[in-house]
PDB file of N, CA and C in Angstrom:
ATOM      1  N   MET A   1      35.137 -61.905 120.274  1.00  0.00           N
ATOM      2  CA  MET A   1      36.503 -62.178 120.694  1.00  0.00           C
ATOM      3  C   MET A   1      36.974 -63.482 120.040  1.00  0.00           C
ATOM      4  N   THR A   2      38.145 -63.471 119.450  1.00  0.00           N
ATOM      5  CA  THR A   2      38.685 -64.652 118.790  1.00  0.00           C
ATOM      6  C   THR A   2      39.507 -65.474 119.784  1.00  0.00           C
ATOM      7  N   PRO A   3      39.508 -66.778 119.612  1.00  0.00           N
ATOM      8  CA  PRO A   3      40.312 -67.611 120.511  1.00  0.00           C
ATOM      9  C   PRO A   3      41.792 -67.374 120.262  1.00  0.00           C
ATOM     10  N   PRO A   4      42.625 -67.614 121.261  1.00  0.00           N
ATOM     11  CA  PRO A   4      44.066 -67.408 121.076  1.00  0.00           C
ATOM     12  C   PRO A   4      44.637 -68.371 120.042  1.00  0.00           C
ATOM     13  N   SER A   5      45.645 -67.924 119.356  1.00  0.00           N
ATOM     14  CA  SER A   5      46.302 -68.766 118.358  1.00  0.00           C
ATOM     15  C   SER A   5      47.035 -69.907 119.050  1.00  0.00           C
ATOM     16  N   PRO A   6      47.067 -71.080 118.405  1.00  0.00           N
ATOM     17  CA  PRO A   6      47.806 -72.187 119.012  1.00  0.00           C
ATOM     18  C   PRO A   6      49.298 -71.866 119.081  1.00  0.00           C
ATOM     19  N   THR A   7      49.920 -72.282 120.137  1.00  0.00           N
ATOM     20  CA  THR A   7      51.361 -72.074 120.290  1.00  0.00           C
ATOM     21  C   THR A   7      52.095 -73.142 119.481  1.00  0.00           C
ATOM     22  N   PRO A   8      53.358 -72.887 119.137  1.00  0.00           N
ATOM     23  CA  PRO A   8      54.126 -73.904 118.414  1.00  0.00           C
ATOM     24  C   PRO A   8      54.186 -75.234 119.166  1.00  0.00           C
ATOM     25  N   GLU A   9      54.238 -75.172 120.493  1.00  0.00           N
ATOM     26  CA  GLU A   9      54.287 -76.397 121.303  1.00  0.00           C
ATOM     27  C   GLU A   9      52.995 -77.200 121.153  1.00  0.00           C
ATOM     28  N   SER A  10      51.849 -76.521 121.193  1.00  0.00           N
ATOM     29  CA  SER A  10      50.580 -77.241 121.070  1.00  0.00           C
ATOM     30  C   SER A  10      50.395 -77.775 119.661  1.00  0.00           C
ATOM     31  N   GLN A  11      50.874 -77.046 118.663  1.00  0.00           N
ATOM     32  CA  GLN A  11      50.788 -77.537 117.284  1.00  0.00           C
ATOM     33  C   GLN A  11      51.661 -78.779 117.100  1.00  0.00           C
ATOM     34  N   ARG A  12      52.837 -78.775 117.717  1.00  0.00           N
ATOM     35  CA  ARG A  12      53.737 -79.923 117.611  1.00  0.00           C
ATOM     36  C   ARG A  12      53.137 -81.137 118.318  1.00  0.00           C
ATOM     37  N   ALA A  13      52.536 -80.916 119.488  1.00  0.00           N
ATOM     38  CA  ALA A  13      51.906 -82.011 120.220  1.00  0.00           C
ATOM     39  C   ALA A  13      50.746 -82.594 119.416  1.00  0.00           C
ATOM     40  N   MET A  14      49.997 -81.731 118.766  1.00  0.00           N
ATOM     41  CA  MET A  14      48.869 -82.195 117.960  1.00  0.00           C
ATOM     42  C   MET A  14      49.356 -83.013 116.768  1.00  0.00           C
ATOM     43  N   SER A  15      50.406 -82.553 116.098  1.00  0.00           N
ATOM     44  CA  SER A  15      50.920 -83.295 114.943  1.00  0.00           C
ATOM     45  C   SER A  15      51.554 -84.611 115.389  1.00  0.00           C
ATOM     46  N   ASP A  16      52.184 -84.635 116.575  1.00  0.00           N
ATOM     47  CA  ASP A  16      52.728 -85.887 117.109  1.00  0.00           C
ATOM     48  C   ASP A  16      51.612 -86.877 117.394  1.00  0.00           C
ATOM     49  N   ARG A  17      50.503 -86.389 117.936  1.00  0.00           N
ATOM     50  CA  ARG A  17      49.371 -87.250 118.253  1.00  0.00           C
ATOM     51  C   ARG A  17      48.776 -87.833 116.968  1.00  0.00           C
ATOM     52  N   VAL A  18      48.646 -87.012 115.933  1.00  0.00           N
ATOM     53  CA  VAL A  18      48.116 -87.484 114.651  1.00  0.00           C
ATOM     54  C   VAL A  18      49.056 -88.531 114.058  1.00  0.00           C
ATOM     55  N   ALA A  19      50.348 -88.314 114.171  1.00  0.00           N
ATOM     56  CA  ALA A  19      51.330 -89.243 113.606  1.00  0.00           C
ATOM     57  C   ALA A  19      51.283 -90.609 114.275  1.00  0.00           C
ATOM     58  N   HIS A  20      50.735 -90.694 115.497  1.00  0.00           N
ATOM     59  CA  HIS A  20      50.659 -91.956 116.225  1.00  0.00           C
ATOM     60  C   HIS A  20      49.220 -92.433 116.406  1.00  0.00           C
ATOM     61  N   THR A  21      48.309 -91.905 115.605  1.00  0.00           N
ATOM     62  CA  THR A  21      46.902 -92.293 115.703  1.00  0.00           C
ATOM     63  C   THR A  21      46.588 -93.313 114.617  1.00  0.00           C
ATOM     64  N   LEU A  22      45.846 -94.334 115.000  1.00  0.00           N
ATOM     65  CA  LEU A  22      45.426 -95.372 114.066  1.00  0.00           C
ATOM     66  C   LEU A  22      44.057 -95.015 113.513  1.00  0.00           C
ATOM     67  N   TYR A  23      43.951 -95.006 112.191  1.00  0.00           N
ATOM     68  CA  TYR A  23      42.702 -94.700 111.500  1.00  0.00           C
ATOM     69  C   TYR A  23      42.281 -95.930 110.697  1.00  0.00           C
ATOM     70  N   GLU A  24      40.959 -96.130 110.579  1.00  0.00           N
ATOM     71  CA  GLU A  24      40.433 -97.253 109.806  1.00  0.00           C
ATOM     72  C   GLU A  24      39.377 -96.749 108.834  1.00  0.00           C
ATOM     73  N   CYS A  25      39.475 -97.183 107.578  1.00  0.00           N
ATOM     74  CA  CYS A  25      38.509 -96.800 106.553  1.00  0.00           C
ATOM     75  C   CYS A  25      37.212 -97.573 106.781  1.00  0.00           C
ATOM     76  N   THR A  26      36.103 -96.856 106.811  1.00  0.00           N
ATOM     77  CA  THR A  26      34.806 -97.501 107.015  1.00  0.00           C
ATOM     78  C   THR A  26      34.324 -98.202 105.746  1.00  0.00           C
ATOM     79  N   SER A  27      34.926 -97.886 104.609  1.00  0.00           N
ATOM     80  CA  SER A  27      34.517 -98.494 103.352  1.00  0.00           C
ATOM     81  C   SER A  27      35.276 -99.801 103.074  1.00  0.00           C
ATOM     82  N   CYS A  28      36.607 -99.749 103.106  1.00  0.00           N
ATOM     83  CA  CYS A  28      37.398-100.923 102.746  1.00  0.00           C
ATOM     84  C   CYS A  28      38.006-101.654 103.939  1.00  0.00           C
ATOM     85  N   GLY A  29      38.024-101.008 105.117  1.00  0.00           N
ATOM     86  CA  GLY A  29      38.544-101.656 106.315  1.00  0.00           C
ATOM     87  C   GLY A  29      40.048-101.573 106.495  1.00  0.00           C
ATOM     88  N   GLU A  30      40.751-100.917 105.579  1.00  0.00           N
ATOM     89  CA  GLU A  30      42.196-100.771 105.711  1.00  0.00           C
ATOM     90  C   GLU A  30      42.524 -99.866 106.889  1.00  0.00           C
ATOM     91  N   ARG A  31      43.650-100.128 107.540  1.00  0.00           N
ATOM     92  CA  ARG A  31      44.115 -99.330 108.673  1.00  0.00           C
ATOM     93  C   ARG A  31      45.416 -98.628 108.310  1.00  0.00           C
ATOM     94  N   PHE A  32      45.549 -97.392 108.808  1.00  0.00           N
ATOM     95  CA  PHE A  32      46.751 -96.602 108.551  1.00  0.00           C
ATOM     96  C   PHE A  32      47.133 -95.836 109.805  1.00  0.00           C
ATOM     97  N   ILE A  33      48.424 -95.631 109.989  1.00  0.00           N
ATOM     98  CA  ILE A  33      48.936 -94.817 111.085  1.00  0.00           C
ATOM     99  C   ILE A  33      49.245 -93.434 110.530  1.00  0.00           C
ATOM    100  N   GLY A  34      48.614 -92.412 111.119  1.00  0.00           N
ATOM    101  CA  GLY A  34      48.917 -91.030 110.777  1.00  0.00           C
ATOM    102  C   GLY A  34      48.334 -90.529 109.468  1.00  0.00           C
ATOM    103  N   ILE A  35      47.548 -91.331 108.777  1.00  0.00           N
ATOM    104  CA  ILE A  35      46.927 -90.918 107.515  1.00  0.00           C
ATOM    105  C   ILE A  35      45.428 -90.847 107.744  1.00  0.00           C
ATOM    106  N   ARG A  36      44.854 -89.672 107.547  1.00  0.00           N
ATOM    107  CA  ARG A  36      43.441 -89.454 107.865  1.00  0.00           C
ATOM    108  C   ARG A  36      42.486 -89.794 106.724  1.00  0.00           C
ATOM    109  N   ARG A  37      42.980 -89.808 105.516  1.00  0.00           N
ATOM    110  CA  ARG A  37      42.114 -90.074 104.361  1.00  0.00           C
ATOM    111  C   ARG A  37      42.609 -91.343 103.667  1.00  0.00           C
ATOM    112  N   CYS A  38      41.688 -92.258 103.384  1.00  0.00           N
ATOM    113  CA  CYS A  38      42.046 -93.518 102.744  1.00  0.00           C
ATOM    114  C   CYS A  38      42.567 -93.245 101.328  1.00  0.00           C
ATOM    115  N   PRO A  39      43.774 -93.721 101.031  1.00  0.00           N
ATOM    116  CA  PRO A  39      44.324 -93.471  99.695  1.00  0.00           C
ATOM    117  C   PRO A  39      43.581 -94.235  98.598  1.00  0.00           C
ATOM    118  N   ASP A  40      42.916 -95.329  98.933  1.00  0.00           N
ATOM    119  CA  ASP A  40      42.188 -96.118  97.933  1.00  0.00           C
ATOM    120  C   ASP A  40      40.778 -95.581  97.698  1.00  0.00           C
ATOM    121  N   CYS A  41      40.058 -95.275  98.795  1.00  0.00           N
ATOM    122  CA  CYS A  41      38.651 -94.862  98.697  1.00  0.00           C
ATOM    123  C   CYS A  41      38.471 -93.342  98.665  1.00  0.00           C
ATOM    124  N   ASN A  42      39.524 -92.616  99.043  1.00  0.00           N
ATOM    125  CA  ASN A  42      39.495 -91.157  99.118  1.00  0.00           C
ATOM    126  C   ASN A  42      38.423 -90.654 100.098  1.00  0.00           C
ATOM    127  N   LEU A  43      38.186 -91.422 101.160  1.00  0.00           N
ATOM    128  CA  LEU A  43      37.248 -91.043 102.207  1.00  0.00           C
ATOM    129  C   LEU A  43      38.008 -90.795 103.500  1.00  0.00           C
ATOM    130  N   PHE A  44      37.474 -89.892 104.344  1.00  0.00           N
ATOM    131  CA  PHE A  44      38.066 -89.716 105.658  1.00  0.00           C
ATOM    132  C   PHE A  44      37.814 -90.961 106.483  1.00  0.00           C
ATOM    133  N   MET A  45      38.804 -91.340 107.289  1.00  0.00           N
ATOM    134  CA  MET A  45      38.709 -92.573 108.056  1.00  0.00           C
ATOM    135  C   MET A  45      38.297 -92.307 109.489  1.00  0.00           C
ATOM    136  N   HIS A  46      37.850 -93.356 110.153  1.00  0.00           N
ATOM    137  CA  HIS A  46      37.426 -93.319 111.541  1.00  0.00           C
ATOM    138  C   HIS A  46      38.655 -93.446 112.444  1.00  0.00           C
ATOM    139  N   THR A  47      38.737 -92.617 113.474  1.00  0.00           N
ATOM    140  CA  THR A  47      39.831 -92.685 114.434  1.00  0.00           C
ATOM    141  C   THR A  47      39.591 -93.830 115.404  1.00  0.00           C
ATOM    142  N   LEU A  48      40.581 -94.737 115.508  1.00  0.00           N
ATOM    143  CA  LEU A  48      40.475 -95.856 116.442  1.00  0.00           C
ATOM    144  C   LEU A  48      41.174 -95.567 117.763  1.00  0.00           C
ATOM    145  N   GLY A  49      42.286 -94.840 117.720  1.00  0.00           N
ATOM    146  CA  GLY A  49      43.037 -94.516 118.934  1.00  0.00           C
ATOM    147  C   GLY A  49      44.526 -94.501 118.651  1.00  0.00           C
ATOM    148  N   LEU A  50      45.326 -94.432 119.721  1.00  0.00           N
ATOM    149  CA  LEU A  50      46.774 -94.405 119.572  1.00  0.00           C
ATOM    150  C   LEU A  50      47.290 -95.784 119.207  1.00  0.00           C
ATOM    151  N   GLY A  51      48.264 -95.798 118.330  1.00  0.00           N
ATOM    152  CA  GLY A  51      48.803 -97.080 117.888  1.00  0.00           C
ATOM    153  C   GLY A  51      50.144 -96.926 117.209  1.00  0.00           C
ATOM    154  N   GLY A  52      50.533 -97.971 116.526  1.00  0.00           N
ATOM    155  CA  GLY A  52      51.800 -98.005 115.812  1.00  0.00           C
ATOM    156  C   GLY A  52      51.842 -99.231 114.925  1.00  0.00           C
ATOM    157  N   VAL A  53      53.019 -99.481 114.376  1.00  0.00           N
ATOM    158  CA  VAL A  53      53.202-100.619 113.477  1.00  0.00           C
ATOM    159  C   VAL A  53      53.975-101.694 114.224  1.00  0.00           C
ATOM    160  N   CYS A  54      53.478-102.915 114.200  1.00  0.00           N
ATOM    161  CA  CYS A  54      54.146-104.051 114.836  1.00  0.00           C
ATOM    162  C   CYS A  54      55.417-104.371 114.046  1.00  0.00           C
ATOM    163  N   ILE A  55      56.543-104.526 114.754  1.00  0.00           N
ATOM    164  CA  ILE A  55      57.797-104.823 114.057  1.00  0.00           C
ATOM    165  C   ILE A  55      57.852-106.270 113.572  1.00  0.00           C
ATOM    166  N   HIS A  56      56.978-107.126 114.099  1.00  0.00           N
ATOM    167  CA  HIS A  56      56.979-108.531 113.695  1.00  0.00           C
ATOM    168  C   HIS A  56      56.154-108.773 112.437  1.00  0.00           C
ATOM    169  N   CYS A  57      54.964-108.145 112.366  1.00  0.00           N
ATOM    170  CA  CYS A  57      54.068-108.424 111.232  1.00  0.00           C
ATOM    171  C   CYS A  57      53.835-107.204 110.346  1.00  0.00           C
ATOM    172  N   ASP A  58      54.357-106.033 110.732  1.00  0.00           N
ATOM    173  CA  ASP A  58      54.247-104.796 109.957  1.00  0.00           C
ATOM    174  C   ASP A  58      52.797-104.333 109.783  1.00  0.00           C
ATOM    175  N   GLU A  59      51.913-104.752 110.682  1.00  0.00           N
ATOM    176  CA  GLU A  59      50.510-104.348 110.643  1.00  0.00           C
ATOM    177  C   GLU A  59      50.265-103.195 111.604  1.00  0.00           C
ATOM    178  N   PRO A  60      49.424-102.226 111.220  1.00  0.00           N
ATOM    179  CA  PRO A  60      49.053-101.163 112.153  1.00  0.00           C
ATOM    180  C   PRO A  60      48.153-101.727 113.253  1.00  0.00           C
ATOM    181  N   LEU A  61      48.514-101.468 114.503  1.00  0.00           N
ATOM    182  CA  LEU A  61      47.782-101.985 115.652  1.00  0.00           C
ATOM    183  C   LEU A  61      47.556-100.901 116.680  1.00  0.00           C
ATOM    184  N   LEU A  62      46.467-101.021 117.410  1.00  0.00           N
ATOM    185  CA  LEU A  62      46.217-100.139 118.542  1.00  0.00           C
ATOM    186  C   LEU A  62      47.135-100.522 119.692  1.00  0.00           C
ATOM    187  N   VAL A  63      47.470 -99.564 120.540  1.00  0.00           N
ATOM    188  CA  VAL A  63      48.265 -99.857 121.724  1.00  0.00           C
ATOM    189  C   VAL A  63      47.552-100.914 122.563  1.00  0.00           C
ATOM    190  N   ALA A  64      46.230-100.811 122.696  1.00  0.00           N
ATOM    191  CA  ALA A  64      45.453-101.785 123.464  1.00  0.00           C
ATOM    192  C   ALA A  64      45.596-103.190 122.880  1.00  0.00           C
ATOM    193  N   GLU A  65      45.638-103.310 121.553  1.00  0.00           N
ATOM    194  CA  GLU A  65      45.822-104.610 120.917  1.00  0.00           C
ATOM    195  C   GLU A  65      47.210-105.161 121.201  1.00  0.00           C
ATOM    196  N   LEU A  66      48.205-104.282 121.228  1.00  0.00           N
ATOM    197  CA  LEU A  66      49.565-104.711 121.524  1.00  0.00           C
ATOM    198  C   LEU A  66      49.672-105.209 122.958  1.00  0.00           C
ATOM    199  N   LEU A  67      49.011-104.520 123.874  1.00  0.00           N
ATOM    200  CA  LEU A  67      49.050-104.931 125.278  1.00  0.00           C
ATOM    201  C   LEU A  67      48.303-106.237 125.489  1.00  0.00           C
ATOM    202  N   ASP A  68      47.224-106.459 124.751  1.00  0.00           N
ATOM    203  CA  ASP A  68      46.473-107.708 124.855  1.00  0.00           C
ATOM    204  C   ASP A  68      47.280-108.884 124.322  1.00  0.00           C
ATOM    205  N   ASP A  69      48.092-108.647 123.301  1.00  0.00           N
ATOM    206  CA  ASP A  69      48.884-109.699 122.673  1.00  0.00           C
ATOM    207  C   ASP A  69      50.021-110.146 123.582  1.00  0.00           C
ATOM    208  N   LYS A  70      50.539-109.262 124.390  1.00  0.00           N
ATOM    209  CA  LYS A  70      51.625-109.510 125.339  1.00  0.00           C
ATOM    210  C   LYS A  70      52.926-109.968 124.680  1.00  0.00           C
ATOM    211  N   GLY A  71      53.015-109.934 123.362  1.00  0.00           N
ATOM    212  CA  GLY A  71      54.250-110.339 122.720  1.00  0.00           C
ATOM    213  C   GLY A  71      54.638-109.442 121.572  1.00  0.00           C
ATOM    214  N   ALA A  72      53.767-108.558 121.160  1.00  0.00           N
ATOM    215  CA  ALA A  72      54.065-107.674 120.036  1.00  0.00           C
ATOM    216  C   ALA A  72      54.932-106.509 120.508  1.00  0.00           C
ATOM    217  N   THR A  73      55.719-105.989 119.604  1.00  0.00           N
ATOM    218  CA  THR A  73      56.591-104.861 119.893  1.00  0.00           C
ATOM    219  C   THR A  73      56.247-103.734 118.933  1.00  0.00           C
ATOM    220  N   LEU A  74      56.127-102.521 119.451  1.00  0.00           N
ATOM    221  CA  LEU A  74      55.692-101.363 118.683  1.00  0.00           C
ATOM    222  C   LEU A  74      56.869-100.531 118.209  1.00  0.00           C
ATOM    223  N   LEU A  75      56.854-100.189 116.932  1.00  0.00           N
ATOM    224  CA  LEU A  75      57.806 -99.214 116.398  1.00  0.00           C
ATOM    225  C   LEU A  75      57.181 -97.847 116.471  1.00  0.00           C
ATOM    226  N   GLY A  76      57.878 -96.867 116.999  1.00  0.00           N
ATOM    227  CA  GLY A  76      57.355 -95.506 117.129  1.00  0.00           C
ATOM    228  C   GLY A  76      57.472 -94.777 115.890  1.00  0.00           C
TER     229      GLY A  76
END
């Protein structure tokens, strides 16, 4: 028996989650939002968690890092 096909809603939720996930390259240490493969090293990156880009410093940050900072603002 084959598993049921994903619904459009579940596919959209999955792509939204990927678009807001922070990944880090284990080789060079670069961080990217929504990009699973490092463009420099061409390796798949490690998932760190949900995050975004800080509007103040333009760096990819985890939501937990933003909450710890108490002053950073996240762009969705």
